[in-house]
N, C-alpha and C. Protein backbone atom coordinates (compact mmCIF):
# COMPACT_ATOMS: atom_id res chain seq x y z
N MET A 1 -2.79 -10.03 42.75
CA MET A 1 -3.32 -9.05 42.08
C MET A 1 -3.49 -9.69 41.02
N SER A 2 -4.92 -8.93 40.54
CA SER A 2 -5.62 -9.42 39.46
C SER A 2 -5.32 -8.75 37.98
N ARG A 3 -5.29 -9.44 36.98
CA ARG A 3 -5.10 -9.20 35.79
C ARG A 3 -5.90 -9.15 34.95
N GLN A 4 -7.10 -8.94 35.65
CA GLN A 4 -8.51 -9.02 34.73
C GLN A 4 -8.83 -7.97 33.90
N GLY A 5 -9.30 -8.25 32.83
CA GLY A 5 -9.71 -6.94 31.44
C GLY A 5 -8.34 -6.57 30.84
N THR A 6 -6.86 -6.94 30.94
CA THR A 6 -5.83 -7.04 30.30
C THR A 6 -6.24 -7.19 28.87
N ALA A 7 -5.28 -6.54 27.96
CA ALA A 7 -5.22 -6.77 25.93
C ALA A 7 -5.11 -8.23 26.18
N SER A 8 -4.13 -8.83 26.63
CA SER A 8 -3.63 -10.29 26.53
C SER A 8 -4.92 -11.31 27.18
N ASP A 9 -5.70 -10.85 27.93
CA ASP A 9 -6.67 -12.01 28.28
C ASP A 9 -7.76 -11.95 27.50
N LYS A 10 -7.77 -10.62 26.74
CA LYS A 10 -9.22 -10.59 25.63
C LYS A 10 -8.81 -11.74 24.52
N ILE A 11 -7.54 -11.91 24.31
CA ILE A 11 -7.32 -12.50 23.08
C ILE A 11 -6.49 -13.65 23.26
N GLY A 12 -6.67 -14.42 24.66
CA GLY A 12 -6.36 -15.71 25.05
C GLY A 12 -4.77 -16.06 25.25
N TYR A 13 -4.06 -15.11 25.68
CA TYR A 13 -3.02 -15.58 26.24
C TYR A 13 -2.58 -14.65 27.33
N VAL A 14 -1.52 -15.20 28.37
CA VAL A 14 -1.26 -14.38 29.33
C VAL A 14 0.00 -13.76 29.02
N ASN A 15 0.83 -14.65 29.49
CA ASN A 15 2.13 -13.96 28.93
C ASN A 15 3.11 -13.26 27.92
N SER A 16 2.98 -14.30 26.90
CA SER A 16 3.79 -13.69 25.68
C SER A 16 2.70 -14.09 24.81
N PRO A 17 2.60 -13.27 23.50
CA PRO A 17 1.67 -14.37 22.52
C PRO A 17 2.17 -15.42 21.81
N PRO A 18 1.57 -15.92 21.34
CA PRO A 18 1.45 -17.40 20.68
C PRO A 18 2.48 -16.99 19.29
N GLU A 19 3.10 -17.78 19.11
CA GLU A 19 3.62 -17.89 17.78
C GLU A 19 2.96 -17.75 16.50
N PHE A 20 1.82 -18.38 16.59
CA PHE A 20 0.76 -18.38 15.68
C PHE A 20 -0.68 -18.17 16.34
N LEU A 21 -1.68 -17.55 15.62
CA LEU A 21 -2.98 -17.74 15.93
C LEU A 21 -3.87 -18.33 15.07
N ILE A 22 -4.93 -18.61 15.11
CA ILE A 22 -5.94 -19.18 14.40
C ILE A 22 -7.29 -18.40 13.94
N CYS A 23 -7.00 -18.13 12.39
CA CYS A 23 -8.64 -17.07 12.03
C CYS A 23 -9.57 -17.65 12.20
N SER A 24 -10.57 -17.09 12.70
CA SER A 24 -12.24 -17.30 13.26
C SER A 24 -12.79 -17.72 11.83
N LYS A 25 -12.33 -17.12 10.75
CA LYS A 25 -13.24 -17.11 9.72
C LYS A 25 -12.41 -18.60 8.60
N CYS A 26 -11.22 -18.23 8.52
CA CYS A 26 -10.46 -19.29 7.61
C CYS A 26 -9.92 -20.47 7.94
N ARG A 27 -10.00 -20.40 9.43
CA ARG A 27 -9.20 -21.33 10.42
C ARG A 27 -7.46 -21.86 10.23
N LYS A 28 -7.19 -20.51 9.30
CA LYS A 28 -5.88 -21.02 8.84
C LYS A 28 -4.94 -20.59 9.89
N GLU A 29 -3.68 -21.21 10.60
CA GLU A 29 -3.02 -20.56 11.12
C GLU A 29 -1.73 -19.36 10.58
N LYS A 30 -2.00 -18.33 11.47
CA LYS A 30 -1.13 -17.28 11.03
C LYS A 30 -0.35 -16.45 12.03
N PRO A 31 0.66 -15.98 11.68
CA PRO A 31 1.41 -15.18 12.51
C PRO A 31 0.56 -13.87 13.36
N PRO A 32 0.96 -13.76 14.41
CA PRO A 32 -0.06 -12.13 15.39
C PRO A 32 0.05 -11.54 14.57
N GLY A 33 1.18 -11.00 13.85
CA GLY A 33 1.01 -9.74 13.03
C GLY A 33 -0.10 -9.71 11.69
N GLU A 34 -0.34 -10.82 11.08
CA GLU A 34 -1.49 -10.94 10.37
C GLU A 34 -3.03 -10.87 10.56
N PHE A 35 -2.97 -10.33 12.22
CA PHE A 35 -4.39 -9.80 12.72
C PHE A 35 -4.29 -8.50 13.07
N ALA A 36 -5.69 -8.16 13.31
CA ALA A 36 -5.76 -6.50 13.85
C ALA A 36 -5.29 -7.08 15.60
N LYS A 37 -4.95 -5.67 16.00
CA LYS A 37 -4.54 -5.63 17.55
C LYS A 37 -5.19 -6.64 18.63
N TYR A 38 -6.76 -6.86 18.32
CA TYR A 38 -7.52 -7.24 19.30
C TYR A 38 -8.43 -8.47 18.20
N GLY A 39 -7.95 -8.70 17.15
CA GLY A 39 -9.13 -9.58 15.99
C GLY A 39 -8.86 -10.78 16.26
N ARG A 40 -10.12 -11.50 16.37
CA ARG A 40 -9.91 -12.99 15.83
C ARG A 40 -9.82 -13.61 14.45
N THR A 41 -10.21 -12.87 13.50
CA THR A 41 -10.29 -12.78 12.31
C THR A 41 -8.70 -12.05 11.56
N CYS A 42 -8.04 -12.91 10.83
CA CYS A 42 -7.03 -12.61 10.06
C CYS A 42 -7.34 -11.20 9.24
N LYS A 43 -6.40 -10.05 9.22
CA LYS A 43 -6.42 -9.18 8.49
C LYS A 43 -7.34 -9.21 6.75
N GLU A 44 -6.52 -10.30 6.04
CA GLU A 44 -7.34 -10.78 4.75
C GLU A 44 -8.42 -11.10 4.96
N CYS A 45 -8.74 -11.93 5.52
CA CYS A 45 -10.40 -12.22 5.77
C CYS A 45 -11.58 -10.99 6.15
N HIS A 46 -10.54 -9.91 7.19
CA HIS A 46 -11.37 -9.10 7.78
C HIS A 46 -11.54 -7.95 6.48
N ASN A 47 -10.28 -8.15 5.12
CA ASN A 47 -10.45 -6.95 4.30
C ASN A 47 -11.50 -7.68 3.22
N GLN A 48 -11.39 -9.03 3.20
CA GLN A 48 -12.69 -9.43 2.21
C GLN A 48 -14.03 -9.21 2.44
N ARG A 49 -14.08 -9.56 3.94
CA ARG A 49 -15.33 -9.33 4.65
C ARG A 49 -15.93 -7.54 4.15
N THR A 50 -14.92 -6.64 4.19
CA THR A 50 -15.66 -5.82 4.30
C THR A 50 -15.89 -5.03 2.63
N ARG A 51 -14.95 -5.73 1.66
CA ARG A 51 -14.80 -5.34 0.34
C ARG A 51 -16.50 -6.25 0.00
N GLU A 52 -16.87 -7.30 0.46
CA GLU A 52 -18.16 -7.82 0.22
C GLU A 52 -19.32 -7.31 0.77
N TRP A 53 -18.93 -6.61 1.89
CA TRP A 53 -20.25 -6.00 2.72
C TRP A 53 -20.27 -4.36 1.61
N ARG A 54 -19.10 -3.73 1.23
CA ARG A 54 -19.27 -2.40 0.64
C ARG A 54 -19.85 -2.93 -0.62
N TYR A 55 -19.79 -3.78 -1.50
CA TYR A 55 -20.35 -4.57 -2.65
C TYR A 55 -21.80 -4.51 -2.56
N LYS A 56 -22.37 -5.11 -1.15
CA LYS A 56 -23.62 -5.66 -1.14
C LYS A 56 -24.48 -4.28 -0.44
N ASN A 57 -23.69 -2.96 -0.03
CA ASN A 57 -24.22 -2.01 0.26
C ASN A 57 -24.09 -0.82 -0.26
N PRO A 58 -23.71 -0.96 -1.29
CA PRO A 58 -23.25 0.50 -2.13
C PRO A 58 -24.00 1.80 -1.41
N GLU A 59 -25.20 2.10 -1.64
CA GLU A 59 -25.89 3.34 -0.85
C GLU A 59 -25.58 3.40 0.31
N ARG A 60 -25.34 2.70 0.82
CA ARG A 60 -24.94 3.08 2.77
C ARG A 60 -23.44 3.45 2.69
N TRP A 61 -22.84 2.99 1.75
CA TRP A 61 -21.11 3.14 1.92
C TRP A 61 -20.88 4.30 1.55
N ARG A 62 -21.91 4.88 0.39
CA ARG A 62 -21.86 6.42 0.04
C ARG A 62 -21.93 7.20 0.84
N GLN A 63 -23.25 6.71 1.79
CA GLN A 63 -23.38 7.57 3.25
C GLN A 63 -22.29 7.98 4.26
N ILE A 64 -21.80 6.43 4.14
CA ILE A 64 -20.58 6.68 5.15
C ILE A 64 -19.63 7.67 4.62
N LEU A 65 -19.27 7.52 3.19
CA LEU A 65 -18.09 8.47 2.67
C LEU A 65 -18.42 9.86 2.99
N ALA A 66 -19.91 10.25 2.53
CA ALA A 66 -20.32 11.65 2.33
C ALA A 66 -20.03 12.12 4.16
N SER A 67 -20.62 11.33 4.77
CA SER A 67 -20.93 11.90 6.31
C SER A 67 -19.12 11.91 6.50
N SER A 68 -18.31 10.99 6.72
CA SER A 68 -17.05 11.47 6.78
C SER A 68 -16.15 12.24 6.43
N ARG A 69 -16.74 12.77 4.84
CA ARG A 69 -15.96 13.78 4.40
C ARG A 69 -16.79 15.20 4.93
N LYS A 70 -18.26 15.19 5.36
CA LYS A 70 -18.43 16.53 5.79
C LYS A 70 -17.76 16.82 7.04
N ARG A 71 -17.51 15.56 7.93
CA ARG A 71 -16.95 15.89 9.38
C ARG A 71 -15.43 16.33 9.29
N ASN A 72 -14.85 16.11 8.09
CA ASN A 72 -13.51 15.92 8.26
C ASN A 72 -13.17 16.14 7.04
N PRO A 73 -13.08 17.41 6.45
CA PRO A 73 -12.79 17.61 4.83
C PRO A 73 -11.60 18.13 4.79
N THR A 74 -10.78 18.34 5.70
CA THR A 74 -9.32 18.93 5.54
C THR A 74 -8.15 17.83 5.03
N PRO A 75 -8.38 16.50 5.72
CA PRO A 75 -7.30 15.54 4.90
C PRO A 75 -7.50 15.58 3.59
N LEU A 76 -8.58 15.55 2.88
CA LEU A 76 -8.59 15.90 1.46
C LEU A 76 -7.73 17.01 0.71
N GLN A 77 -8.39 18.00 1.30
CA GLN A 77 -7.89 19.64 1.01
C GLN A 77 -6.24 19.29 1.28
N ASP A 78 -5.82 18.79 2.59
CA ASP A 78 -4.52 19.11 2.62
C ASP A 78 -3.72 18.13 1.83
N LEU A 79 -4.29 16.91 1.30
CA LEU A 79 -3.62 16.29 0.44
C LEU A 79 -3.63 17.09 -0.95
N VAL A 80 -4.42 17.43 -1.12
CA VAL A 80 -4.48 18.24 -2.49
C VAL A 80 -3.44 19.39 -2.74
N ALA A 81 -3.50 20.07 -1.69
CA ALA A 81 -2.63 21.27 -1.68
C ALA A 81 -1.28 20.65 -1.34
N HIS A 82 -0.96 19.36 -0.95
CA HIS A 82 0.35 19.06 -0.91
C HIS A 82 0.95 18.64 -2.03
N GLN A 83 -0.06 17.90 -2.98
CA GLN A 83 0.42 17.46 -4.59
C GLN A 83 0.78 18.56 -5.22
N LYS A 84 -0.03 19.65 -5.12
CA LYS A 84 -0.06 20.87 -5.54
C LYS A 84 1.30 21.39 -5.66
N THR A 85 1.57 21.63 -4.70
CA THR A 85 3.03 21.82 -4.01
C THR A 85 4.22 21.37 -4.61
N TYR A 86 4.06 19.86 -4.07
CA TYR A 86 5.08 18.67 -4.99
C TYR A 86 5.23 19.05 -6.53
N SER A 87 4.15 18.96 -6.86
CA SER A 87 4.06 18.87 -8.68
C SER A 87 4.69 20.15 -9.08
N LYS A 88 4.64 21.39 -8.35
CA LYS A 88 5.10 22.47 -8.91
C LYS A 88 6.77 22.47 -8.56
N SER A 89 7.06 21.95 -7.69
CA SER A 89 8.70 22.08 -7.55
C SER A 89 9.75 20.76 -7.79
N ASN A 90 8.21 19.63 -8.36
CA ASN A 90 9.21 18.78 -9.17
C ASN A 90 8.66 18.04 -10.44
N ARG A 91 8.70 19.41 -11.36
CA ARG A 91 8.35 19.34 -12.54
C ARG A 91 9.22 18.31 -13.10
N HIS A 92 10.16 18.50 -13.13
CA HIS A 92 11.21 17.42 -13.85
C HIS A 92 10.79 15.99 -13.98
N LYS A 93 10.58 15.95 -12.45
CA LYS A 93 10.46 14.38 -12.43
C LYS A 93 8.89 14.12 -12.68
N ARG A 94 7.97 14.92 -12.56
CA ARG A 94 6.73 14.57 -13.46
C ARG A 94 6.80 14.79 -15.39
N TRP A 95 7.73 15.51 -15.67
CA TRP A 95 8.08 15.52 -17.24
C TRP A 95 8.69 13.98 -17.36
N ALA A 96 9.67 13.53 -16.54
CA ALA A 96 10.45 12.48 -16.94
C ALA A 96 9.15 11.31 -16.90
N ALA A 97 8.47 11.09 -15.67
CA ALA A 97 7.41 10.06 -15.87
C ALA A 97 6.77 9.91 -16.78
N ASP A 98 6.26 11.23 -17.31
CA ASP A 98 4.96 11.40 -18.75
C ASP A 98 5.75 10.84 -19.63
N LYS A 99 7.33 11.03 -19.90
CA LYS A 99 7.90 10.80 -21.26
C LYS A 99 8.06 9.09 -21.28
N ILE A 100 7.85 8.32 -20.17
CA ILE A 100 7.75 7.04 -20.11
C ILE A 100 6.78 6.64 -20.12
N SER A 101 5.73 7.09 -19.85
CA SER A 101 4.35 6.53 -20.03
C SER A 101 4.04 6.83 -21.67
N SER A 102 4.22 7.91 -21.84
CA SER A 102 4.07 7.94 -23.52
C SER A 102 4.66 6.54 -24.22
N ALA A 103 6.07 6.72 -23.72
CA ALA A 103 7.11 5.44 -24.23
C ALA A 103 6.55 4.15 -24.47
N ILE A 104 5.59 3.46 -23.12
CA ILE A 104 5.24 2.59 -22.75
C ILE A 104 3.91 2.35 -23.95
N ARG A 105 3.07 3.28 -23.39
CA ARG A 105 1.64 3.43 -24.41
C ARG A 105 2.05 3.15 -26.13
N SER A 106 2.97 4.08 -26.62
CA SER A 106 3.44 3.69 -28.05
C SER A 106 3.89 2.56 -28.00
N GLY A 107 4.17 1.94 -27.32
CA GLY A 107 4.93 0.50 -27.71
C GLY A 107 6.72 0.80 -27.81
N ARG A 108 7.03 2.28 -27.57
CA ARG A 108 8.75 2.07 -28.11
C ARG A 108 9.31 1.39 -26.86
N ILE A 109 8.61 1.43 -25.78
CA ILE A 109 9.15 0.66 -24.45
C ILE A 109 8.27 -0.23 -23.94
N VAL A 110 8.77 -1.55 -23.79
CA VAL A 110 8.16 -2.76 -23.34
C VAL A 110 8.11 -2.99 -21.68
N LYS A 111 7.57 -3.34 -20.95
CA LYS A 111 7.90 -3.43 -19.40
C LYS A 111 8.06 -4.71 -19.48
N PRO A 112 9.28 -4.72 -18.58
CA PRO A 112 9.83 -6.23 -18.30
C PRO A 112 8.69 -6.73 -17.49
N THR A 113 8.84 -8.20 -16.95
CA THR A 113 8.10 -8.91 -15.82
C THR A 113 8.94 -9.23 -14.60
N GLU A 114 10.44 -8.80 -15.07
CA GLU A 114 10.79 -9.02 -13.12
C GLU A 114 11.85 -7.93 -12.83
N CYS A 115 12.37 -7.70 -11.69
CA CYS A 115 13.09 -6.38 -11.50
C CYS A 115 14.48 -6.40 -11.55
N SER A 116 14.96 -5.32 -12.20
CA SER A 116 16.40 -5.40 -12.60
C SER A 116 17.48 -5.42 -11.65
N LYS A 117 17.34 -5.55 -10.61
CA LYS A 117 17.74 -5.38 -9.17
C LYS A 117 18.00 -6.93 -8.65
N CYS A 118 16.90 -7.54 -7.89
CA CYS A 118 16.63 -8.45 -7.43
C CYS A 118 16.15 -9.69 -8.21
N SER A 119 15.75 -9.59 -9.49
CA SER A 119 15.39 -10.74 -10.51
C SER A 119 14.10 -11.22 -9.92
N ASN A 120 13.20 -10.76 -8.85
CA ASN A 120 12.32 -11.40 -8.71
C ASN A 120 11.16 -11.12 -10.00
N SER A 121 10.24 -12.13 -10.07
CA SER A 121 9.61 -11.98 -11.12
C SER A 121 8.28 -11.14 -10.93
N THR A 122 7.55 -10.32 -11.34
CA THR A 122 6.50 -9.43 -10.71
C THR A 122 5.87 -8.91 -11.67
N PRO A 123 4.30 -8.79 -11.47
CA PRO A 123 3.43 -8.42 -12.76
C PRO A 123 3.69 -7.11 -13.20
N SER A 124 4.19 -6.76 -14.28
CA SER A 124 4.48 -5.48 -14.88
C SER A 124 3.39 -4.14 -14.13
N LYS A 125 2.31 -4.25 -13.99
CA LYS A 125 1.93 -3.37 -13.43
C LYS A 125 2.55 -2.89 -11.76
N GLN A 126 3.10 -3.86 -11.51
CA GLN A 126 3.71 -3.74 -10.20
C GLN A 126 5.45 -3.21 -9.94
N LEU A 127 5.94 -2.89 -11.39
CA LEU A 127 7.24 -2.51 -11.48
C LEU A 127 7.37 -0.89 -11.82
N HIS A 128 8.33 -0.57 -11.38
CA HIS A 128 8.56 1.05 -11.41
C HIS A 128 9.51 1.20 -12.20
N ALA A 129 9.52 2.47 -12.75
CA ALA A 129 10.52 2.95 -14.15
C ALA A 129 11.25 3.89 -13.16
N HIS A 130 12.46 3.44 -12.66
CA HIS A 130 13.21 4.32 -11.69
C HIS A 130 14.58 5.50 -12.55
N HIS A 131 14.27 6.46 -12.35
CA HIS A 131 15.04 7.53 -13.10
C HIS A 131 16.61 7.96 -12.21
N PRO A 132 17.44 7.34 -12.65
CA PRO A 132 18.55 7.66 -12.05
C PRO A 132 18.98 9.16 -12.23
N ASP A 133 18.53 9.59 -13.10
CA ASP A 133 18.98 11.01 -13.71
C ASP A 133 17.90 11.23 -14.50
N TYR A 134 16.71 12.56 -13.81
CA TYR A 134 16.06 12.91 -14.40
C TYR A 134 15.74 13.46 -15.68
N SER A 135 17.13 14.27 -15.98
CA SER A 135 17.38 14.72 -17.29
C SER A 135 17.48 14.01 -18.81
N LYS A 136 17.52 12.68 -17.93
CA LYS A 136 17.57 11.71 -19.24
C LYS A 136 16.26 10.38 -18.74
N PRO A 137 15.15 11.22 -19.50
CA PRO A 137 13.80 10.28 -19.13
C PRO A 137 13.74 8.60 -19.72
N LEU A 138 14.62 8.32 -21.06
CA LEU A 138 14.24 7.58 -21.42
C LEU A 138 15.30 6.04 -20.70
N GLU A 139 16.13 6.78 -19.85
CA GLU A 139 17.44 5.78 -19.25
C GLU A 139 16.44 5.59 -17.86
N ILE A 140 16.09 4.51 -17.63
CA ILE A 140 15.41 3.97 -16.51
C ILE A 140 15.93 2.42 -16.12
N ILE A 141 15.69 2.16 -15.00
CA ILE A 141 15.87 1.04 -14.40
C ILE A 141 14.46 0.32 -13.95
N TRP A 142 14.20 -0.65 -14.18
CA TRP A 142 12.98 -1.29 -13.67
C TRP A 142 12.96 -2.37 -12.32
N LEU A 143 12.61 -1.40 -11.40
CA LEU A 143 12.51 -1.98 -10.06
C LEU A 143 10.98 -2.33 -9.40
N CYS A 144 11.07 -3.46 -8.65
CA CYS A 144 9.89 -3.51 -7.77
C CYS A 144 9.72 -2.76 -6.84
N HIS A 145 8.30 -2.67 -6.20
CA HIS A 145 8.48 -2.02 -5.22
C HIS A 145 9.42 -1.66 -3.99
N PRO A 146 9.82 -2.80 -3.16
CA PRO A 146 10.82 -2.70 -2.11
C PRO A 146 12.03 -2.03 -2.80
N CYS A 147 12.49 -2.48 -3.79
CA CYS A 147 14.05 -2.24 -4.48
C CYS A 147 13.97 -0.66 -4.76
N HIS A 148 12.59 -0.20 -5.23
CA HIS A 148 12.70 1.01 -5.50
C HIS A 148 12.39 2.13 -4.50
N GLY A 149 12.20 1.40 -3.38
CA GLY A 149 11.98 2.22 -2.12
C GLY A 149 13.76 2.50 -1.52
N LEU A 150 13.98 1.54 -1.32
CA LEU A 150 15.60 0.86 -1.52
C LEU A 150 16.51 2.13 -1.93
N GLU A 151 16.44 1.83 -3.14
CA GLU A 151 17.27 2.93 -4.03
C GLU A 151 17.23 4.31 -3.73
N HIS A 152 16.07 4.70 -3.32
CA HIS A 152 15.63 6.50 -2.79
C HIS A 152 16.18 6.88 -1.58
N ARG A 153 16.20 5.43 -0.79
CA ARG A 153 16.52 5.76 0.40
C ARG A 153 17.88 5.62 0.68
N ILE A 154 18.96 4.80 -0.40
CA ILE A 154 20.55 5.01 -0.27
C ILE A 154 20.96 6.17 -1.20
N HIS A 155 20.24 6.62 -2.17
CA HIS A 155 20.58 8.05 -2.81
C HIS A 155 20.20 9.10 -2.75
N ASP A 156 18.92 9.17 -1.84
CA ASP A 156 18.63 10.58 -1.29
C ASP A 156 18.96 10.81 0.23
N ALA A 157 19.45 10.06 0.69
CA ALA A 157 19.55 10.36 1.81
C ALA A 157 21.21 11.12 2.22
């Protein structure tokens, strides 16, 4: 029985995926998870190439976006509706976040450069102010994105 035309034949392996693939653009060895399903360039190179194309073709990119919005306007409308509903039912969270933002801008609070939980050095823009209690808006824990998500999964479960 022929296996002609299967996905595994298209990307160059038959029985099981290799441990590493070589990107056709940067020529670096990377794990298969760093590539699109049938791609020969890694996601990083693909994204860079896309950014460059958008920069070189801004008018065409605007046309593509406008066309996409005309064809399918509901995702944006759904998102806006969801955000309005969420903000109305979570005013206390917005209030606490606004208090922190104001304190940072005024210099009353200085963002650290490392996560309070895992102590990994993180750019301050990527640290999140976690409120264990939203009624105390200035009592926060500075967490990196993974630790903040974990904190909410543990306590909101």
